[in-house]
Amino acid sequence: MPELRFQIEWPDGSQELCYSPSLVIKDYFAPEQAYPLDDFVTRSRTALRIASDRVQAKYGMPCSLALGQLSSIERKATQYAELPAPQVKVLKFVE
């Protein structure tokens, strides 16, 4: 399966390189696009679960890296939940 990394910028300006085992991320995000925090988390949850399910369909087990990335995103997002109108920007895809 083709892997994809996507670089994001959190509301505080910090950047993170995230992992997906599938190109499905491109169906949910666009480079240089900012998303409201809740929308970003929801899109990440959907895309990374689909990616993990694709790995499970092919290899018989879910992708622990995708699920771990999702957990990391969900955990980090809680740090910004109280900010007024927090956004996460998808900077680029790295294939």
N, C-alpha and C. Protein backbone atom coordinates (compact mmCIF):
# COMPACT_ATOMS: atom_id res chain seq x y z
N MET A 1 0.84 -1.18 0.00
CA MET A 1 0.00 0.00 0.00
C MET A 1 0.89 1.25 0.00
N PRO A 2 0.48 2.26 -0.74
CA PRO A 2 1.29 3.49 -0.73
C PRO A 2 1.09 4.26 0.57
N GLU A 3 2.17 4.59 1.20
CA GLU A 3 2.12 5.37 2.43
C GLU A 3 2.12 6.86 2.09
N LEU A 4 1.67 7.65 3.04
CA LEU A 4 1.65 9.09 2.86
C LEU A 4 1.88 9.75 4.21
N ARG A 5 2.68 10.78 4.20
CA ARG A 5 2.83 11.61 5.38
C ARG A 5 2.25 12.97 5.04
N PHE A 6 1.65 13.59 6.03
CA PHE A 6 1.09 14.92 5.82
C PHE A 6 1.55 15.83 6.96
N GLN A 7 2.09 16.97 6.55
CA GLN A 7 2.62 17.91 7.53
C GLN A 7 1.53 18.91 7.91
N ILE A 8 1.35 19.08 9.21
CA ILE A 8 0.31 19.97 9.71
C ILE A 8 0.91 21.04 10.62
N GLU A 9 0.14 22.10 10.78
CA GLU A 9 0.52 23.16 11.72
C GLU A 9 -0.63 23.33 12.71
N TRP A 10 -0.30 23.16 13.98
CA TRP A 10 -1.28 23.29 15.06
C TRP A 10 -1.57 24.76 15.33
N PRO A 11 -2.61 25.07 16.07
CA PRO A 11 -2.97 26.47 16.34
C PRO A 11 -1.86 27.30 16.99
N ASP A 12 -0.94 26.67 17.70
CA ASP A 12 0.16 27.41 18.34
C ASP A 12 1.36 27.61 17.42
N GLY A 13 1.24 27.16 16.17
CA GLY A 13 2.32 27.32 15.20
C GLY A 13 3.29 26.15 15.14
N SER A 14 3.17 25.21 16.08
CA SER A 14 4.04 24.03 16.03
C SER A 14 3.62 23.14 14.86
N GLN A 15 4.60 22.45 14.31
CA GLN A 15 4.33 21.58 13.16
C GLN A 15 4.56 20.13 13.52
N GLU A 16 3.87 19.25 12.81
CA GLU A 16 3.99 17.81 13.03
C GLU A 16 3.87 17.10 11.69
N LEU A 17 4.66 16.05 11.54
CA LEU A 17 4.57 15.21 10.36
C LEU A 17 3.78 13.97 10.75
N CYS A 18 2.62 13.79 10.13
CA CYS A 18 1.70 12.70 10.47
C CYS A 18 1.79 11.59 9.43
N TYR A 19 1.36 10.40 9.82
CA TYR A 19 1.49 9.21 8.99
C TYR A 19 0.13 8.63 8.62
N SER A 20 0.03 8.16 7.39
CA SER A 20 -1.11 7.36 6.94
C SER A 20 -0.60 6.23 6.05
N PRO A 21 -1.12 5.02 6.23
CA PRO A 21 -0.71 3.91 5.37
C PRO A 21 -1.42 3.90 4.02
N SER A 22 -2.22 4.92 3.77
CA SER A 22 -3.02 4.97 2.55
C SER A 22 -3.12 6.40 2.04
N LEU A 23 -3.32 6.54 0.76
CA LEU A 23 -3.50 7.86 0.14
C LEU A 23 -4.89 8.44 0.39
N VAL A 24 -5.73 7.74 1.13
CA VAL A 24 -7.09 8.20 1.41
C VAL A 24 -7.08 9.58 2.07
N ILE A 25 -6.00 9.94 2.73
CA ILE A 25 -5.88 11.26 3.35
C ILE A 25 -6.15 12.37 2.33
N LYS A 26 -5.73 12.14 1.09
CA LYS A 26 -5.94 13.14 0.04
C LYS A 26 -7.41 13.38 -0.26
N ASP A 27 -8.26 12.43 0.10
CA ASP A 27 -9.70 12.60 -0.10
C ASP A 27 -10.32 13.50 0.98
N TYR A 28 -9.60 13.72 2.07
CA TYR A 28 -10.14 14.46 3.21
C TYR A 28 -9.46 15.79 3.48
N PHE A 29 -8.25 15.96 2.95
CA PHE A 29 -7.50 17.18 3.19
C PHE A 29 -6.88 17.71 1.90
N ALA A 30 -6.62 19.00 1.89
CA ALA A 30 -5.92 19.63 0.76
C ALA A 30 -4.72 20.40 1.31
N PRO A 31 -3.61 20.39 0.59
CA PRO A 31 -2.45 21.15 1.02
C PRO A 31 -2.77 22.65 1.11
N GLU A 32 -2.12 23.30 2.07
CA GLU A 32 -2.28 24.74 2.29
C GLU A 32 -3.70 25.13 2.70
N GLN A 33 -4.44 24.19 3.24
CA GLN A 33 -5.82 24.45 3.67
C GLN A 33 -5.90 24.36 5.19
N ALA A 34 -6.56 25.34 5.80
CA ALA A 34 -6.79 25.33 7.25
C ALA A 34 -8.19 24.80 7.54
N TYR A 35 -8.29 24.03 8.61
CA TYR A 35 -9.55 23.42 9.02
C TYR A 35 -9.83 23.78 10.48
N PRO A 36 -11.09 24.07 10.81
CA PRO A 36 -11.41 24.24 12.23
C PRO A 36 -10.99 22.97 12.99
N LEU A 37 -10.53 23.14 14.21
CA LEU A 37 -9.98 22.03 14.98
C LEU A 37 -10.90 20.82 15.01
N ASP A 38 -12.17 21.02 15.34
CA ASP A 38 -13.11 19.89 15.40
C ASP A 38 -13.25 19.19 14.05
N ASP A 39 -13.30 19.96 12.98
CA ASP A 39 -13.41 19.40 11.64
C ASP A 39 -12.15 18.61 11.30
N PHE A 40 -10.98 19.17 11.65
CA PHE A 40 -9.72 18.46 11.38
C PHE A 40 -9.69 17.11 12.11
N VAL A 41 -10.10 17.10 13.36
CA VAL A 41 -10.09 15.84 14.13
C VAL A 41 -11.08 14.84 13.53
N THR A 42 -12.26 15.31 13.16
CA THR A 42 -13.26 14.42 12.56
C THR A 42 -12.77 13.84 11.23
N ARG A 43 -12.20 14.69 10.38
CA ARG A 43 -11.66 14.22 9.10
C ARG A 43 -10.51 13.24 9.32
N SER A 44 -9.64 13.54 10.28
CA SER A 44 -8.53 12.64 10.59
C SER A 44 -9.05 11.29 11.05
N ARG A 45 -10.03 11.32 11.93
CA ARG A 45 -10.61 10.08 12.46
C ARG A 45 -11.16 9.22 11.33
N THR A 46 -11.93 9.84 10.46
CA THR A 46 -12.53 9.10 9.34
C THR A 46 -11.45 8.54 8.42
N ALA A 47 -10.54 9.40 7.98
CA ALA A 47 -9.52 9.00 7.00
C ALA A 47 -8.58 7.94 7.57
N LEU A 48 -8.12 8.12 8.80
CA LEU A 48 -7.17 7.16 9.37
C LEU A 48 -7.83 5.82 9.70
N ARG A 49 -9.10 5.84 10.05
CA ARG A 49 -9.81 4.57 10.27
C ARG A 49 -10.01 3.84 8.94
N ILE A 50 -10.34 4.57 7.89
CA ILE A 50 -10.46 3.95 6.56
C ILE A 50 -9.11 3.35 6.16
N ALA A 51 -8.04 4.12 6.37
CA ALA A 51 -6.70 3.64 6.02
C ALA A 51 -6.37 2.36 6.80
N SER A 52 -6.66 2.36 8.08
CA SER A 52 -6.40 1.18 8.91
C SER A 52 -7.24 -0.01 8.44
N ASP A 53 -8.49 0.25 8.09
CA ASP A 53 -9.38 -0.82 7.59
C ASP A 53 -8.85 -1.40 6.27
N ARG A 54 -8.26 -0.57 5.44
CA ARG A 54 -7.69 -1.06 4.18
C ARG A 54 -6.50 -1.98 4.45
N VAL A 55 -5.69 -1.62 5.43
CA VAL A 55 -4.57 -2.48 5.82
C VAL A 55 -5.12 -3.81 6.37
N GLN A 56 -6.16 -3.73 7.18
CA GLN A 56 -6.74 -4.96 7.73
C GLN A 56 -7.29 -5.85 6.62
N ALA A 57 -7.95 -5.25 5.64
CA ALA A 57 -8.50 -6.04 4.54
C ALA A 57 -7.39 -6.74 3.76
N LYS A 58 -6.24 -6.08 3.63
CA LYS A 58 -5.15 -6.65 2.84
C LYS A 58 -4.27 -7.61 3.64
N TYR A 59 -4.01 -7.27 4.91
CA TYR A 59 -3.03 -8.03 5.69
C TYR A 59 -3.63 -8.78 6.90
N GLY A 60 -4.93 -8.59 7.14
CA GLY A 60 -5.58 -9.34 8.21
C GLY A 60 -5.49 -8.71 9.59
N MET A 61 -4.88 -7.54 9.69
CA MET A 61 -4.84 -6.85 10.97
C MET A 61 -4.85 -5.34 10.73
N PRO A 62 -5.47 -4.60 11.67
CA PRO A 62 -5.51 -3.14 11.49
C PRO A 62 -4.11 -2.54 11.58
N CYS A 63 -3.98 -1.34 11.09
CA CYS A 63 -2.68 -0.64 11.09
C CYS A 63 -2.49 0.08 12.42
N SER A 64 -1.61 -0.43 13.24
CA SER A 64 -1.36 0.18 14.54
C SER A 64 -0.74 1.57 14.40
N LEU A 65 0.02 1.80 13.34
CA LEU A 65 0.61 3.13 13.14
C LEU A 65 -0.48 4.17 12.82
N ALA A 66 -1.44 3.81 12.01
CA ALA A 66 -2.54 4.74 11.69
C ALA A 66 -3.37 5.02 12.93
N LEU A 67 -3.68 3.97 13.68
CA LEU A 67 -4.49 4.16 14.88
C LEU A 67 -3.72 4.93 15.95
N GLY A 68 -2.41 4.72 16.01
CA GLY A 68 -1.57 5.48 16.92
C GLY A 68 -1.51 6.95 16.53
N GLN A 69 -1.44 7.21 15.22
CA GLN A 69 -1.43 8.59 14.74
C GLN A 69 -2.74 9.28 15.10
N LEU A 70 -3.84 8.57 14.91
CA LEU A 70 -5.15 9.12 15.26
C LEU A 70 -5.21 9.45 16.76
N SER A 71 -4.75 8.54 17.57
CA SER A 71 -4.74 8.77 19.02
C SER A 71 -3.91 10.00 19.36
N SER A 72 -2.78 10.15 18.72
CA SER A 72 -1.91 11.30 18.95
C SER A 72 -2.61 12.61 18.55
N ILE A 73 -3.27 12.60 17.41
CA ILE A 73 -4.00 13.79 16.95
C ILE A 73 -5.12 14.14 17.93
N GLU A 74 -5.88 13.15 18.34
CA GLU A 74 -6.99 13.39 19.27
C GLU A 74 -6.47 13.95 20.60
N ARG A 75 -5.39 13.38 21.08
CA ARG A 75 -4.81 13.81 22.35
C ARG A 75 -4.29 15.25 22.26
N LYS A 76 -3.55 15.55 21.20
CA LYS A 76 -2.98 16.89 21.05
C LYS A 76 -4.07 17.93 20.83
N ALA A 77 -5.13 17.56 20.13
CA ALA A 77 -6.21 18.50 19.85
C ALA A 77 -6.87 19.01 21.14
N THR A 78 -6.88 18.21 22.18
CA THR A 78 -7.49 18.64 23.44
C THR A 78 -6.76 19.85 24.03
N GLN A 79 -5.50 20.02 23.70
CA GLN A 79 -4.72 21.17 24.20
C GLN A 79 -5.24 22.50 23.66
N TYR A 80 -5.90 22.45 22.53
CA TYR A 80 -6.33 23.67 21.85
C TYR A 80 -7.84 23.87 21.88
N ALA A 81 -8.56 22.97 22.48
CA ALA A 81 -10.02 23.00 22.43
C ALA A 81 -10.63 24.26 23.04
N GLU A 82 -9.96 24.87 24.00
CA GLU A 82 -10.50 26.05 24.66
C GLU A 82 -10.13 27.36 23.97
N LEU A 83 -9.27 27.30 22.97
CA LEU A 83 -8.91 28.51 22.23
C LEU A 83 -10.09 29.00 21.41
N PRO A 84 -10.18 30.30 21.18
CA PRO A 84 -11.25 30.80 20.31
C PRO A 84 -10.95 30.47 18.84
N ALA A 85 -11.82 29.72 18.22
CA ALA A 85 -11.73 29.37 16.79
C ALA A 85 -10.38 28.76 16.39
N PRO A 86 -9.93 27.71 17.08
CA PRO A 86 -8.65 27.09 16.71
C PRO A 86 -8.73 26.41 15.35
N GLN A 87 -7.63 26.49 14.60
CA GLN A 87 -7.56 25.86 13.29
C GLN A 87 -6.26 25.06 13.17
N VAL A 88 -6.33 24.03 12.35
CA VAL A 88 -5.16 23.24 12.01
C VAL A 88 -4.97 23.36 10.51
N LYS A 89 -3.76 23.68 10.10
CA LYS A 89 -3.48 23.83 8.67
C LYS A 89 -2.71 22.61 8.17
N VAL A 90 -3.19 22.04 7.08
CA VAL A 90 -2.45 20.97 6.41
C VAL A 90 -1.49 21.68 5.46
N LEU A 91 -0.21 21.55 5.72
CA LEU A 91 0.79 22.26 4.93
C LEU A 91 1.10 21.58 3.61
N LYS A 92 1.37 20.26 3.69
CA LYS A 92 1.72 19.54 2.46
C LYS A 92 1.62 18.04 2.68
N PHE A 93 1.61 17.33 1.55
CA PHE A 93 1.69 15.87 1.55
C PHE A 93 3.12 15.49 1.20
N VAL A 94 3.60 14.45 1.84
CA VAL A 94 4.95 13.94 1.57
C VAL A 94 4.80 12.47 1.22
N GLU A 95 5.02 12.14 -0.05
CA GLU A 95 4.86 10.74 -0.48
C GLU A 95 6.21 10.06 -0.55
